[in-house]
Amino acid sequence: MTDHLTILLLLLNVFWLLVIHRRLARYVSLLQQRGDVSVPGSASGEGWTLASTLDHGKCCIYTAQKPGQFSLRVALASLPTGAAEVMCLPREVDLIPTWNTFCGWGGVLTLTSPTDLCVGAVLALPWPVPNHSILVHAQLHDHMAHDGHILVEAATPETFDEALPAPMRACAHTLPIISSMGTLTPLPPDPASGAPRTAADVSMTVSLTGLGWLGGVASGVPQWLINLILFVVTPLVYRRALQVLGDLSPDTALGKRLHSDATGVYEHLRSISGQRAAHPLAASQDQAGVK
């Protein structure tokens, strides 16, 4: 009886995976018809393969695979906002679940300085992917003088002595981040409005070893999961992020954090990038209110 039940459960899992695969295929087909996504295949150097594009090439998504590792890279040619505003999206980690449906929880765990901190989050991808806890130590560096950009580095620390919050402890799985790197490059301001513009390039490499729910796969990621990340998760997060960046007034939760700038990190970013606030009217209203 137990063997029959096991076989039945396996068949049900296979059935649902086939349903997900068919839905992903239909979704990708629709995106390609709209001209928003290119098909995978073209090589891009340094081991990266261009997997898809959004907004007619403004957003390029790359992948790379090695035994036991999977890497994802997102390159944004130009965002209509400043480096400080872009940084507030991941920096205010406890607010990420309010705009990113694939983040179940987030929080700052330790704060050594405004540019050096440890954060935790819960990755909540669609079924059948289980929730994963993520822990990273992140640092921000000023590379404007030599490289013309601001650099953010992050990785899962080898040890962490603090107690993890309950949402992270509740996850049966962890996602080790081998390395993550992001650059924010200030661009010339918009010629019409004078508003700041910023290019962003973010990459992340995760370890596949120990991901038992993948059946112990260490050599690569199943294609259905890659499709889920490329054609569902990333486009939805990208478009939602653009919406949030379009309104960072003090009336919004994220905008309120940005303008209050409790640690001074956003003013620091504007100082080294040479950019003004993306919402100067809102900023001036805040200053007037203080006076």
Protein backbone atom coordinates (compact mmCIF):
# COMPACT_ATOMS: atom_id res chain seq x y z
CA MET A 1 0.00 0.00 0.00
CA THR A 2 2.84 2.36 0.88
CA ASP A 3 4.55 1.69 -2.45
CA HIS A 4 1.34 2.48 -4.35
CA LEU A 5 0.91 5.74 -2.43
CA THR A 6 4.51 6.74 -3.17
CA ILE A 7 4.05 6.04 -6.87
CA LEU A 8 0.83 8.08 -6.88
CA LEU A 9 2.55 11.05 -5.23
CA LEU A 10 5.39 10.86 -7.74
CA LEU A 11 2.92 10.83 -10.61
CA LEU A 12 1.11 13.85 -9.17
CA ASN A 13 4.41 15.73 -8.85
CA VAL A 14 5.31 14.89 -12.44
CA PHE A 15 1.87 16.04 -13.59
CA TRP A 16 2.18 19.41 -11.85
CA LEU A 17 5.69 19.93 -13.18
CA LEU A 18 4.37 19.33 -16.69
CA VAL A 19 1.60 21.86 -16.05
CA ILE A 20 4.17 24.44 -14.89
CA HIS A 21 6.34 23.72 -17.91
CA ARG A 22 3.41 24.23 -20.30
CA ARG A 23 2.40 27.47 -18.59
CA LEU A 24 5.97 28.78 -18.71
CA ALA A 25 6.21 27.89 -22.41
CA ARG A 26 2.99 29.77 -23.14
CA TYR A 27 4.16 32.77 -21.09
CA VAL A 28 7.51 32.92 -22.89
CA SER A 29 5.73 32.65 -26.25
CA LEU A 30 3.51 35.60 -25.36
CA LEU A 31 6.50 37.69 -24.26
CA GLN A 32 8.37 36.92 -27.46
CA GLN A 33 5.34 37.93 -29.52
CA ARG A 34 5.35 41.26 -27.69
CA GLY A 35 9.04 41.67 -28.51
CA ASP A 36 10.05 41.98 -24.84
CA VAL A 37 12.13 38.81 -24.52
CA SER A 38 14.81 37.33 -26.71
CA VAL A 39 15.48 33.61 -26.92
CA PRO A 40 18.54 32.24 -25.14
CA GLY A 41 21.71 31.34 -26.96
CA SER A 42 24.10 34.18 -27.70
CA ALA A 43 27.39 34.14 -25.84
CA SER A 44 28.51 37.28 -24.02
CA GLY A 45 32.04 36.60 -22.80
CA GLU A 46 33.48 35.72 -19.37
CA GLY A 47 31.33 32.60 -19.25
CA TRP A 48 28.06 34.53 -19.38
CA THR A 49 25.29 33.61 -21.81
CA LEU A 50 22.63 36.15 -22.73
CA ALA A 51 19.43 34.40 -21.71
CA SER A 52 16.78 37.08 -22.21
CA THR A 53 16.17 40.81 -22.56
CA LEU A 54 13.41 43.11 -21.40
CA ASP A 55 12.26 46.51 -22.63
CA HIS A 56 13.96 46.08 -26.01
CA GLY A 57 17.41 45.47 -24.57
CA LYS A 58 17.38 47.99 -21.72
CA CYS A 59 17.50 45.06 -19.29
CA CYS A 60 19.76 42.10 -20.15
CA ILE A 61 19.67 38.87 -18.16
CA TYR A 62 22.62 36.49 -18.28
CA THR A 63 23.28 33.05 -16.81
CA ALA A 64 26.38 30.93 -16.20
CA GLN A 65 26.78 27.44 -14.80
CA LYS A 66 29.67 25.51 -13.30
CA PRO A 67 29.61 22.20 -11.41
CA GLY A 68 27.80 22.91 -8.17
CA GLN A 69 27.15 26.57 -8.99
CA PHE A 70 24.59 28.73 -10.78
CA SER A 71 25.10 32.41 -11.60
CA LEU A 72 22.59 35.08 -12.61
CA ARG A 73 23.42 38.55 -13.86
CA VAL A 74 21.09 41.49 -14.60
CA ALA A 75 22.47 44.49 -16.49
CA LEU A 76 20.36 47.66 -16.67
CA ALA A 77 21.53 50.18 -19.25
CA SER A 78 19.81 53.19 -17.69
CA LEU A 79 17.45 53.72 -14.77
CA PRO A 80 15.65 57.08 -14.52
CA THR A 81 16.78 57.73 -10.96
CA GLY A 82 19.86 58.13 -8.77
CA ALA A 83 22.22 55.61 -7.20
CA ALA A 84 20.85 56.40 -3.73
CA GLU A 85 17.31 55.65 -4.86
CA VAL A 86 18.35 52.38 -6.51
CA MET A 87 20.26 51.34 -3.40
CA CYS A 88 17.28 51.88 -1.12
CA LEU A 89 15.45 48.97 -2.80
CA PRO A 90 17.75 46.26 -1.36
CA ARG A 91 19.06 48.34 1.57
CA GLU A 92 15.65 48.67 3.25
CA VAL A 93 15.48 44.90 3.37
CA ASP A 94 12.52 44.72 5.78
CA LEU A 95 10.40 46.56 3.19
CA ILE A 96 11.31 44.26 0.28
CA PRO A 97 8.27 42.00 0.91
CA THR A 98 6.01 45.04 0.37
CA TRP A 99 7.00 45.29 -3.29
CA ASN A 100 8.64 41.93 -4.13
CA THR A 101 6.19 39.05 -3.91
CA PHE A 102 9.06 36.53 -3.98
CA CYS A 103 10.49 37.78 -0.67
CA GLY A 104 8.62 36.38 2.31
CA TRP A 105 10.60 38.24 4.97
CA GLY A 106 13.64 40.48 5.29
CA GLY A 107 15.59 42.26 7.98
CA VAL A 108 18.91 43.82 9.00
CA LEU A 109 20.65 41.43 11.40
CA THR A 110 23.77 43.41 12.31
CA LEU A 111 24.90 46.94 11.41
CA THR A 112 28.65 47.58 11.72
CA SER A 113 28.43 50.85 9.78
CA PRO A 114 26.09 52.42 7.21
CA THR A 115 28.11 50.66 4.49
CA ASP A 116 28.78 47.35 6.29
CA LEU A 117 25.96 45.13 7.47
CA CYS A 118 24.55 41.60 7.60
CA VAL A 119 21.03 41.01 6.34
CA GLY A 120 18.68 38.05 6.19
CA ALA A 121 15.73 37.22 3.97
CA VAL A 122 13.36 34.43 3.02
CA LEU A 123 13.19 33.58 -0.67
CA ALA A 124 9.64 32.52 -1.52
CA LEU A 125 9.50 31.28 -5.11
CA PRO A 126 6.35 29.66 -6.56
CA TRP A 127 5.55 26.00 -5.91
CA PRO A 128 7.17 23.49 -6.09
CA VAL A 129 10.25 25.43 -4.90
CA PRO A 130 10.37 25.46 -1.07
CA ASN A 131 11.23 28.59 0.88
CA HIS A 132 14.93 29.26 1.46
CA SER A 133 16.59 31.46 4.05
CA ILE A 134 19.36 33.75 2.82
CA LEU A 135 22.09 35.33 4.94
CA VAL A 136 24.65 37.75 3.47
CA HIS A 137 27.33 40.12 4.67
CA ALA A 138 27.22 43.20 2.43
CA GLN A 139 29.69 46.06 2.00
CA LEU A 140 29.55 49.23 -0.10
CA HIS A 141 32.72 50.69 -1.63
CA ASP A 142 33.45 54.01 -3.34
CA HIS A 143 35.16 53.20 -6.67
CA MET A 144 34.16 56.44 -8.38
CA ALA A 145 37.69 57.84 -8.66
CA HIS A 146 39.20 54.83 -10.44
CA ASP A 147 36.29 52.94 -12.02
CA GLY A 148 33.49 55.49 -12.18
CA HIS A 149 31.06 53.40 -10.17
CA ILE A 150 29.89 52.43 -6.70
CA LEU A 151 30.53 48.79 -5.82
CA VAL A 152 28.47 46.56 -3.53
CA GLU A 153 29.82 43.14 -2.54
CA ALA A 154 27.89 40.48 -0.63
CA ALA A 155 28.30 36.83 0.31
CA THR A 156 27.10 34.36 2.89
CA PRO A 157 29.57 34.50 5.82
CA GLU A 158 31.30 31.31 6.92
CA THR A 159 30.14 31.90 10.48
CA PHE A 160 27.44 34.04 12.07
CA ASP A 161 27.25 34.22 15.86
CA GLU A 162 23.94 36.03 16.25
CA ALA A 163 20.64 34.20 16.68
CA LEU A 164 18.63 34.06 13.46
CA PRO A 165 15.08 35.50 13.44
CA ALA A 166 12.15 33.09 13.56
CA PRO A 167 11.21 33.42 9.84
CA MET A 168 14.71 32.27 8.85
CA ARG A 169 14.79 29.46 11.41
CA ALA A 170 11.45 28.23 10.07
CA CYS A 171 12.98 27.56 6.64
CA ALA A 172 14.09 23.98 6.13
CA HIS A 173 16.45 25.09 3.36
CA THR A 174 19.18 27.71 3.00
CA LEU A 175 20.56 29.27 -0.16
CA PRO A 176 24.31 29.91 0.21
CA ILE A 177 25.47 32.96 -1.76
CA ILE A 178 29.03 32.27 -2.88
CA SER A 179 29.45 35.81 -4.15
CA SER A 180 27.33 38.73 -5.25
CA MET A 181 28.50 41.95 -6.84
CA GLY A 182 26.67 45.04 -7.98
CA THR A 183 27.85 48.26 -9.59
CA LEU A 184 25.97 51.54 -9.80
CA THR A 185 27.31 53.89 -12.47
CA PRO A 186 26.06 57.50 -12.48
CA LEU A 187 25.12 58.63 -15.99
CA PRO A 188 24.69 62.17 -17.33
CA PRO A 189 21.38 63.59 -16.07
CA ASP A 190 18.32 63.67 -18.25
CA PRO A 191 18.82 66.61 -20.66
CA ALA A 192 15.21 67.74 -20.41
CA SER A 193 14.49 67.50 -16.68
CA GLY A 194 17.96 67.30 -15.15
CA ALA A 195 16.87 64.20 -13.23
CA PRO A 196 19.64 61.74 -12.34
CA ARG A 197 20.17 58.52 -14.30
CA THR A 198 22.03 55.40 -13.25
CA ALA A 199 23.26 52.20 -14.87
CA ALA A 200 23.24 49.05 -12.75
CA ASP A 201 24.93 45.68 -13.16
CA VAL A 202 24.20 42.98 -10.57
CA SER A 203 25.45 39.40 -10.50
CA MET A 204 25.07 36.57 -8.00
CA THR A 205 26.49 33.05 -7.74
CA VAL A 206 24.76 30.47 -5.55
CA SER A 207 25.92 27.06 -4.38
CA LEU A 208 23.83 24.09 -5.51
CA THR A 209 25.46 21.57 -3.23
CA GLY A 210 23.25 20.69 -0.31
CA LEU A 211 20.02 21.56 -2.10
CA GLY A 212 18.47 18.21 -1.35
CA TRP A 213 15.05 19.15 -2.72
CA LEU A 214 16.70 19.20 -6.17
CA GLY A 215 17.50 15.54 -5.70
CA GLY A 216 21.11 16.22 -4.80
CA VAL A 217 21.79 17.88 -8.18
CA ALA A 218 25.24 19.44 -8.10
CA SER A 219 26.04 19.74 -11.80
CA GLY A 220 23.32 22.15 -12.88
CA VAL A 221 19.87 23.63 -12.40
CA PRO A 222 16.82 21.97 -13.99
CA GLN A 223 15.65 23.83 -17.09
CA TRP A 224 12.16 24.34 -15.68
CA LEU A 225 13.65 26.22 -12.71
CA ILE A 226 15.86 28.34 -14.97
CA ASN A 227 12.78 29.20 -17.05
CA LEU A 228 10.89 30.12 -13.89
CA ILE A 229 13.67 32.51 -12.84
CA LEU A 230 14.24 34.00 -16.30
CA PHE A 231 10.72 34.41 -17.60
CA VAL A 232 8.55 34.79 -14.51
CA VAL A 233 10.47 35.88 -11.41
CA THR A 234 13.00 38.33 -12.89
CA PRO A 235 10.59 40.18 -15.22
CA LEU A 236 8.01 40.60 -12.45
CA VAL A 237 10.59 41.88 -9.95
CA TYR A 238 12.13 44.18 -12.57
CA ARG A 239 8.82 45.78 -13.54
CA ARG A 240 7.70 46.12 -9.94
CA ALA A 241 11.02 47.74 -9.02
CA LEU A 242 10.56 50.29 -11.81
CA GLN A 243 7.11 51.12 -10.44
CA VAL A 244 8.48 51.62 -6.92
CA LEU A 245 11.38 53.76 -8.14
CA GLY A 246 8.87 55.92 -10.02
CA ASP A 247 7.29 57.07 -6.74
CA LEU A 248 9.63 57.46 -3.78
CA SER A 249 7.85 60.42 -2.24
CA PRO A 250 7.74 60.65 1.59
CA ASP A 251 4.14 59.42 1.38
CA THR A 252 5.37 55.92 0.54
CA ALA A 253 6.99 53.57 3.07
CA LEU A 254 10.20 53.26 1.08
CA GLY A 255 10.28 56.96 0.25
CA LYS A 256 9.90 57.83 3.91
CA ARG A 257 12.97 55.73 4.75
CA LEU A 258 14.91 57.28 1.87
CA HIS A 259 14.17 60.85 2.96
CA SER A 260 14.66 60.25 6.69
CA ASP A 261 18.03 58.54 5.92
CA ALA A 262 18.56 57.38 9.50
CA THR A 263 22.11 56.06 8.90
CA GLY A 264 23.16 58.74 6.40
CA VAL A 265 23.96 56.17 3.71
CA TYR A 266 21.83 57.83 1.03
CA GLU A 267 23.40 61.25 1.54
CA HIS A 268 26.78 59.51 1.37
CA LEU A 269 25.81 57.92 -1.95
CA ARG A 270 24.70 61.27 -3.38
CA SER A 271 27.93 62.84 -2.23
CA ILE A 272 30.21 60.31 -3.92
CA SER A 273 28.04 59.93 -7.05
CA GLY A 274 27.56 63.67 -7.56
CA GLN A 275 23.83 63.14 -8.13
CA ARG A 276 21.00 65.17 -6.69
CA ALA A 277 17.90 63.61 -5.17
CA ALA A 278 15.61 62.11 -7.77
CA HIS A 279 12.63 63.82 -6.10
CA PRO A 280 13.97 67.28 -5.18
CA LEU A 281 10.49 68.72 -4.60
CA ALA A 282 9.68 66.08 -2.02
CA ALA A 283 13.10 66.51 -0.42
CA SER A 284 12.66 70.30 -0.19
CA GLN A 285 9.23 69.81 1.39
CA ASP A 286 10.83 67.59 4.04
CA GLN A 287 13.45 70.26 4.79
CA ALA A 288 10.78 72.96 4.95
CA GLY A 289 8.83 70.85 7.42
CA VAL A 290 11.89 70.52 9.67
CA LYS A 291 12.40 74.26 9.68
